[in-house]
C-alpha atoms as a PDB file:
ATOM      1  CA  MET A   1     111.596   9.687 119.792  1.00  0.00           C
ATOM      2  CA  ASP A   2     109.354   6.991 121.138  1.00  0.00           C
ATOM      3  CA  ILE A   3     108.415   6.805 124.908  1.00  0.00           C
ATOM      4  CA  VAL A   4     106.759   3.903 126.056  1.00  0.00           C
ATOM      5  CA  ILE A   5     104.692   3.389 128.971  1.00  0.00           C
ATOM      6  CA  PRO A   6     103.177  -0.026 129.803  1.00  0.00           C
ATOM      7  CA  LEU A   7      99.959  -0.386 131.819  1.00  0.00           C
ATOM      8  CA  PHE A   8      98.693  -3.484 133.635  1.00  0.00           C
ATOM      9  CA  ASP A   9      95.249  -3.060 135.808  1.00  0.00           C
ATOM     10  CA  HIS A  10      95.576  -1.472 139.041  1.00  0.00           C
ATOM     11  CA  PHE A  11      98.064   0.982 137.920  1.00  0.00           C
ATOM     12  CA  GLU A  12      98.497   4.330 140.029  1.00  0.00           C
ATOM     13  CA  PRO A  13      96.867   6.759 137.716  1.00  0.00           C
ATOM     14  CA  LEU A  14      99.220  10.000 138.364  1.00  0.00           C
ATOM     15  CA  ASP A  15     102.267   7.661 138.044  1.00  0.00           C
ATOM     16  CA  ALA A  16     101.493   7.213 134.271  1.00  0.00           C
ATOM     17  CA  ILE A  17      99.730  10.679 133.572  1.00  0.00           C
ATOM     18  CA  GLY A  18     102.131  12.864 135.414  1.00  0.00           C
ATOM     19  CA  PRO A  19     105.327  11.922 133.142  1.00  0.00           C
ATOM     20  CA  TYR A  20     102.687  11.251 130.000  1.00  0.00           C
ATOM     21  CA  GLU A  21     101.984  15.276 130.698  1.00  0.00           C
ATOM     22  CA  ILE A  22     105.387  16.170 130.549  1.00  0.00           C
ATOM     23  CA  LEU A  23     107.112  13.954 128.227  1.00  0.00           C
ATOM     24  CA  ALA A  24     104.323  14.373 125.731  1.00  0.00           C
ATOM     25  CA  TYR A  25     105.637  17.922 125.192  1.00  0.00           C
ATOM     26  CA  VAL A  26     109.214  16.889 124.219  1.00  0.00           C
ATOM     27  CA  PRO A  27     109.393  17.743 120.700  1.00  0.00           C
ATOM     28  CA  GLY A  28     109.385  15.094 118.321  1.00  0.00           C
ATOM     29  CA  ALA A  29     108.107  12.510 121.031  1.00  0.00           C
ATOM     30  CA  THR A  30     105.454  10.237 120.690  1.00  0.00           C
ATOM     31  CA  VAL A  31     104.331   8.771 124.145  1.00  0.00           C
ATOM     32  CA  ARG A  32     102.201   5.729 123.612  1.00  0.00           C
ATOM     33  CA  PHE A  33     100.613   3.323 126.133  1.00  0.00           C
ATOM     34  CA  VAL A  34     101.122  -0.746 126.073  1.00  0.00           C
ATOM     35  CA  THR A  35      99.473  -3.611 128.029  1.00  0.00           C
ATOM     36  CA  ALA A  36      99.077  -7.173 127.485  1.00  0.00           C
ATOM     37  CA  GLU A  37      96.132  -7.738 125.834  1.00  0.00           C
ATOM     38  CA  PRO A  38      94.298  -4.610 124.179  1.00  0.00           C
ATOM     39  CA  GLY A  39      91.625  -3.409 125.657  1.00  0.00           C
ATOM     40  CA  LEU A  40      90.374  -1.701 128.975  1.00  0.00           C
ATOM     41  CA  VAL A  41      93.235  -1.352 131.956  1.00  0.00           C
ATOM     42  CA  GLN A  42      91.819   0.029 135.199  1.00  0.00           C
ATOM     43  CA  ASP A  43      93.700   1.880 137.354  1.00  0.00           C
ATOM     44  CA  VAL A  44      94.070   1.233 141.360  1.00  0.00           C
ATOM     45  CA  LEU A  45      91.565   3.765 142.298  1.00  0.00           C
ATOM     46  CA  GLY A  46      88.881   2.079 140.211  1.00  0.00           C
ATOM     47  CA  SER A  47      87.203   4.997 138.064  1.00  0.00           C
ATOM     48  CA  LEU A  48      89.870   5.479 135.496  1.00  0.00           C
ATOM     49  CA  PRO A  49      89.439   2.971 132.966  1.00  0.00           C
ATOM     50  CA  VAL A  50      92.000   3.487 129.891  1.00  0.00           C
ATOM     51  CA  HIS A  51      91.907   1.481 126.525  1.00  0.00           C
ATOM     52  CA  VAL A  52      95.175   0.625 125.485  1.00  0.00           C
ATOM     53  CA  PRO A  53      95.296  -0.497 122.008  1.00  0.00           C
ATOM     54  CA  THR A  54      98.676  -2.041 121.812  1.00  0.00           C
ATOM     55  CA  ARG A  55     100.629  -5.428 122.822  1.00  0.00           C
ATOM     56  CA  TYR A  56     103.778  -4.699 124.476  1.00  0.00           C
ATOM     57  CA  SER A  57     105.181  -7.844 122.546  1.00  0.00           C
ATOM     58  CA  GLU A  58     104.075  -5.469 119.315  1.00  0.00           C
ATOM     59  CA  VAL A  59     107.124  -3.255 120.568  1.00  0.00           C
ATOM     60  CA  GLU A  60     110.926  -4.103 119.742  1.00  0.00           C
ATOM     61  CA  ARG A  61     112.593  -1.015 120.737  1.00  0.00           C
ATOM     62  CA  CYS A  62     111.756   2.389 121.955  1.00  0.00           C
ATOM     63  CA  ASP A  63     113.696   5.424 123.250  1.00  0.00           C
ATOM     64  CA  VAL A  64     112.621   5.500 126.720  1.00  0.00           C
ATOM     65  CA  LEU A  65     110.584   2.808 128.923  1.00  0.00           C
ATOM     66  CA  LEU A  66     108.657   4.111 132.024  1.00  0.00           C
ATOM     67  CA  ILE A  67     107.105   1.520 134.173  1.00  0.00           C
ATOM     68  CA  PRO A  68     104.712   3.271 136.692  1.00  0.00           C
ATOM     69  CA  GLY A  69     103.723   1.587 139.801  1.00  0.00           C
ATOM     70  CA  GLY A  70     100.605   0.705 141.700  1.00  0.00           C
ATOM     71  CA  GLY A  71      98.802  -2.643 142.305  1.00  0.00           C
ATOM     72  CA  SER A  72     100.000  -3.391 138.891  1.00  0.00           C
ATOM     73  CA  PHE A  73     103.702  -4.493 140.004  1.00  0.00           C
ATOM     74  CA  LYS A  74     102.339  -7.422 141.184  1.00  0.00           C
ATOM     75  CA  THR A  75     101.293  -8.374 138.063  1.00  0.00           C
ATOM     76  CA  MET A  76     104.688  -7.498 135.750  1.00  0.00           C
ATOM     77  CA  VAL A  77     106.829  -9.083 138.250  1.00  0.00           C
ATOM     78  CA  ASP A  78     104.977 -12.290 138.458  1.00  0.00           C
ATOM     79  CA  ASP A  79     104.939 -12.349 134.656  1.00  0.00           C
ATOM     80  CA  ALA A  80     108.407 -13.870 133.358  1.00  0.00           C
ATOM     81  CA  GLU A  81     107.818 -13.133 129.830  1.00  0.00           C
ATOM     82  CA  PHE A  82     107.090  -9.513 130.212  1.00  0.00           C
ATOM     83  CA  LEU A  83     110.489  -9.175 132.624  1.00  0.00           C
ATOM     84  CA  GLY A  84     112.322 -10.825 129.565  1.00  0.00           C
ATOM     85  CA  TRP A  85     110.615  -8.417 127.721  1.00  0.00           C
ATOM     86  CA  VAL A  86     111.497  -5.395 129.805  1.00  0.00           C
ATOM     87  CA  ARG A  87     115.551  -6.727 129.754  1.00  0.00           C
ATOM     88  CA  ARG A  88     115.261  -6.943 125.782  1.00  0.00           C
ATOM     89  CA  ILE A  89     113.774  -3.367 125.294  1.00  0.00           C
ATOM     90  CA  HIS A  90     116.363  -1.989 127.940  1.00  0.00           C
ATOM     91  CA  ALA A  91     119.213  -3.042 126.048  1.00  0.00           C
ATOM     92  CA  GLY A  92     118.234  -0.728 123.368  1.00  0.00           C
ATOM     93  CA  THR A  93     116.605   2.342 125.165  1.00  0.00           C
ATOM     94  CA  ARG A  94     118.315   5.616 125.579  1.00  0.00           C
ATOM     95  CA  PHE A  95     116.460   5.765 129.349  1.00  0.00           C
ATOM     96  CA  THR A  96     114.821   2.906 131.376  1.00  0.00           C
ATOM     97  CA  THR A  97     112.509   4.823 134.133  1.00  0.00           C
ATOM     98  CA  SER A  98     110.315   4.101 136.720  1.00  0.00           C
ATOM     99  CA  VAL A  99     108.032   5.805 138.931  1.00  0.00           C
ATOM    100  CA  CYS A 100     107.018   4.241 142.763  1.00  0.00           C
ATOM    101  CA  THR A 101     106.798   0.472 142.775  1.00  0.00           C
ATOM    102  CA  GLY A 102     107.474   0.259 139.067  1.00  0.00           C
ATOM    103  CA  SER A 103     111.268   0.253 140.391  1.00  0.00           C
ATOM    104  CA  LEU A 104     110.241  -3.473 141.511  1.00  0.00           C
ATOM    105  CA  VAL A 105     109.721  -4.257 138.155  1.00  0.00           C
ATOM    106  CA  LEU A 106     112.813  -2.997 137.399  1.00  0.00           C
ATOM    107  CA  GLY A 107     114.468  -5.036 139.970  1.00  0.00           C
ATOM    108  CA  ALA A 108     112.717  -7.996 139.223  1.00  0.00           C
ATOM    109  CA  ALA A 109     113.994  -7.703 135.901  1.00  0.00           C
ATOM    110  CA  GLY A 110     117.437  -7.732 137.051  1.00  0.00           C
ATOM    111  CA  LEU A 111     118.134  -4.276 136.075  1.00  0.00           C
ATOM    112  CA  LEU A 112     118.989  -2.545 139.630  1.00  0.00           C
ATOM    113  CA  ASP A 113     121.245  -5.225 141.141  1.00  0.00           C
ATOM    114  CA  GLY A 114     123.636  -3.495 143.610  1.00  0.00           C
ATOM    115  CA  LEU A 115     122.540   0.145 142.451  1.00  0.00           C
ATOM    116  CA  THR A 116     120.980   2.467 144.720  1.00  0.00           C
ATOM    117  CA  ALA A 117     117.345   3.111 143.823  1.00  0.00           C
ATOM    118  CA  THR A 118     113.985   4.634 145.141  1.00  0.00           C
ATOM    119  CA  THR A 119     110.540   3.645 145.166  1.00  0.00           C
ATOM    120  CA  HIS A 120     107.491   4.274 147.205  1.00  0.00           C
ATOM    121  CA  TRP A 121     108.519   4.341 150.793  1.00  0.00           C
ATOM    122  CA  ASN A 122     106.432   1.505 151.881  1.00  0.00           C
ATOM    123  CA  ALA A 123     107.844  -0.439 149.273  1.00  0.00           C
ATOM    124  CA  ALA A 124     111.842  -0.182 150.520  1.00  0.00           C
ATOM    125  CA  ALA A 125     112.143  -3.636 151.772  1.00  0.00           C
ATOM    126  CA  ASP A 126     110.440  -5.140 148.551  1.00  0.00           C
ATOM    127  CA  LEU A 127     113.028  -3.024 146.707  1.00  0.00           C
ATOM    128  CA  GLU A 128     115.588  -4.131 148.143  1.00  0.00           C
ATOM    129  CA  SER A 129     114.792  -7.606 148.200  1.00  0.00           C
ATOM    130  CA  TYR A 130     115.440  -7.298 144.571  1.00  0.00           C
ATOM    131  CA  GLY A 131     119.296  -6.464 145.149  1.00  0.00           C
ATOM    132  CA  ALA A 132     118.855  -2.481 144.864  1.00  0.00           C
ATOM    133  CA  VAL A 133     120.128   0.049 147.885  1.00  0.00           C
ATOM    134  CA  TYR A 134     116.861   2.042 148.913  1.00  0.00           C
ATOM    135  CA  THR A 135     117.446   5.753 149.157  1.00  0.00           C
ATOM    136  CA  PRO A 136     114.198   7.935 149.834  1.00  0.00           C
ATOM    137  CA  GLU A 137     115.563  10.402 147.313  1.00  0.00           C
ATOM    138  CA  ARG A 138     112.755  11.394 144.733  1.00  0.00           C
ATOM    139  CA  VAL A 139     115.077  10.731 141.646  1.00  0.00           C
ATOM    140  CA  VAL A 140     117.584   8.594 141.240  1.00  0.00           C
ATOM    141  CA  ARG A 141     119.797   8.314 138.426  1.00  0.00           C
ATOM    142  CA  HIS A 142     122.651   5.324 137.150  1.00  0.00           C
ATOM    143  CA  ASP A 143     123.381   6.474 133.311  1.00  0.00           C
ATOM    144  CA  ARG A 144     120.291   5.252 131.463  1.00  0.00           C
ATOM    145  CA  VAL A 145     118.574   4.150 134.713  1.00  0.00           C
ATOM    146  CA  ILE A 146     116.309   6.316 136.384  1.00  0.00           C
ATOM    147  CA  THR A 147     114.085   5.636 139.621  1.00  0.00           C
ATOM    148  CA  SER A 148     111.809   8.005 141.148  1.00  0.00           C
ATOM    149  CA  ALA A 149     109.712   7.709 144.057  1.00  0.00           C
ATOM    150  CA  GLY A 150     106.165   7.512 145.090  1.00  0.00           C
ATOM    151  CA  VAL A 151     103.560   8.994 142.347  1.00  0.00           C
ATOM    152  CA  SER A 152     104.022  12.787 142.369  1.00  0.00           C
ATOM    153  CA  SER A 153     107.612  12.043 142.130  1.00  0.00           C
ATOM    154  CA  GLY A 154     106.932  11.058 138.417  1.00  0.00           C
ATOM    155  CA  ILE A 155     106.370  14.514 137.777  1.00  0.00           C
ATOM    156  CA  ASP A 156     110.110  15.458 138.891  1.00  0.00           C
ATOM    157  CA  MET A 157     112.023  12.724 137.240  1.00  0.00           C
ATOM    158  CA  ALA A 158     109.881  13.679 134.005  1.00  0.00           C
ATOM    159  CA  VAL A 159     110.920  16.958 133.702  1.00  0.00           C
ATOM    160  CA  GLN A 160     114.683  15.927 134.623  1.00  0.00           C
ATOM    161  CA  LEU A 161     114.274  13.401 131.751  1.00  0.00           C
ATOM    162  CA  ALA A 162     113.056  15.751 129.441  1.00  0.00           C
ATOM    163  CA  ALA A 163     115.940  17.785 129.917  1.00  0.00           C
ATOM    164  CA  LEU A 164     118.396  14.803 129.040  1.00  0.00           C
ATOM    165  CA  LEU A 165     116.154  14.368 126.002  1.00  0.00           C
ATOM    166  CA  THR A 166     116.437  17.755 124.655  1.00  0.00           C
ATOM    167  CA  ASP A 167     117.816  20.600 126.549  1.00  0.00           C
ATOM    168  CA  ASP A 168     117.662  22.511 130.012  1.00  0.00           C
ATOM    169  CA  VAL A 169     115.792  25.695 128.409  1.00  0.00           C
ATOM    170  CA  THR A 170     113.056  23.077 126.865  1.00  0.00           C
ATOM    171  CA  ALA A 171     112.466  21.044 130.027  1.00  0.00           C
ATOM    172  CA  GLN A 172     112.154  24.277 131.610  1.00  0.00           C
ATOM    173  CA  ALA A 173     109.496  25.413 129.537  1.00  0.00           C
ATOM    174  CA  ILE A 174     107.533  22.532 129.643  1.00  0.00           C
ATOM    175  CA  GLN A 175     107.894  22.933 133.409  1.00  0.00           C
ATOM    176  CA  LEU A 176     106.424  26.455 133.211  1.00  0.00           C
ATOM    177  CA  TYR A 177     103.681  25.519 130.510  1.00  0.00           C
ATOM    178  CA  THR A 178     102.629  22.884 132.561  1.00  0.00           C
ATOM    179  CA  GLU A 179     102.971  25.361 135.745  1.00  0.00           C
ATOM    180  CA  TYR A 180     104.691  22.916 137.676  1.00  0.00           C
ATOM    181  CA  ASP A 181     105.397  25.132 140.798  1.00  0.00           C
ATOM    182  CA  PRO A 182     104.761  22.796 143.641  1.00  0.00           C
ATOM    183  CA  GLN A 183     103.618  24.676 146.835  1.00  0.00           C
ATOM    184  CA  PRO A 184     101.937  21.817 149.272  1.00  0.00           C
ATOM    185  CA  PRO A 185      99.508  23.533 151.673  1.00  0.00           C
ATOM    186  CA  PHE A 186     101.266  20.769 154.279  1.00  0.00           C
ATOM    187  CA  ASP A 187     104.917  19.792 154.644  1.00  0.00           C
ATOM    188  CA  THR A 188     103.991  16.284 155.531  1.00  0.00           C
ATOM    189  CA  GLY A 189     105.308  14.606 152.183  1.00  0.00           C
ATOM    190  CA  SER A 190     108.047  12.396 153.086  1.00  0.00           C
ATOM    191  CA  VAL A 191     108.586  10.279 155.870  1.00  0.00           C
ATOM    192  CA  ALA A 192     110.847  12.429 157.486  1.00  0.00           C
ATOM    193  CA  LYS A 193     108.845  15.379 157.911  1.00  0.00           C
ATOM    194  CA  ALA A 194     105.471  13.774 158.601  1.00  0.00           C
ATOM    195  CA  PRO A 195     104.076  12.978 162.048  1.00  0.00           C
ATOM    196  CA  ALA A 196     103.865   9.396 163.540  1.00  0.00           C
ATOM    197  CA  GLU A 197      99.568  10.079 163.499  1.00  0.00           C
ATOM    198  CA  VAL A 198     100.068  11.060 159.727  1.00  0.00           C
ATOM    199  CA  LEU A 199     102.409   8.239 158.480  1.00  0.00           C
ATOM    200  CA  GLU A 200      99.915   5.971 160.758  1.00  0.00           C
ATOM    201  CA  ARG A 201      96.862   7.094 158.634  1.00  0.00           C
ATOM    202  CA  ALA A 202      98.976   6.996 155.154  1.00  0.00           C
ATOM    203  CA  ARG A 203      99.864   3.419 156.053  1.00  0.00           C
ATOM    204  CA  THR A 204      96.115   2.513 155.596  1.00  0.00           C
ATOM    205  CA  LEU A 205      95.746   4.329 151.939  1.00  0.00           C
ATOM    206  CA  GLY A 206      97.532   2.118 149.894  1.00  0.00           C
END
């Protein structure tokens, strides 16, 4: 089982590493990162360079395509060659997925036309500009296409995906092994719950 995650400069680290941590435990799965040109790829926070040895153009098919977000989406949506590759790969995947603003890449590739989808709350209008209908749900599935909301929601998506790729017991075992049992200290993890001052401060972070 081949799971491919494209990384470009300014990717959001948890968008990629969170799902990677979960999906790497799927029996028989290989998770690999790809990029435009082999070498170091820098995350959006500036302190986590990742060496990616494989060009995305070397990948002709995979079982799962997972597009992370972050500032890297700007590079991806403006790259016609990359978007063409996404469309070609999607034609043969079991699942094509995204985390955060990675859904904008799926939208730019024409994979979300008329579909309900999710993304980071601050990119809802951008998502709808690609023909999708935004919803604040953490994970949205339409057959083979799965989108997840901002950053941490990629872990939720990956656990659900693990169940689809294997079975519920295996996915639950992975959740237990990684001790994914969220108990946040504050109940401000969505726009619907956050006070105005918290929302205003959050807008300054991205």
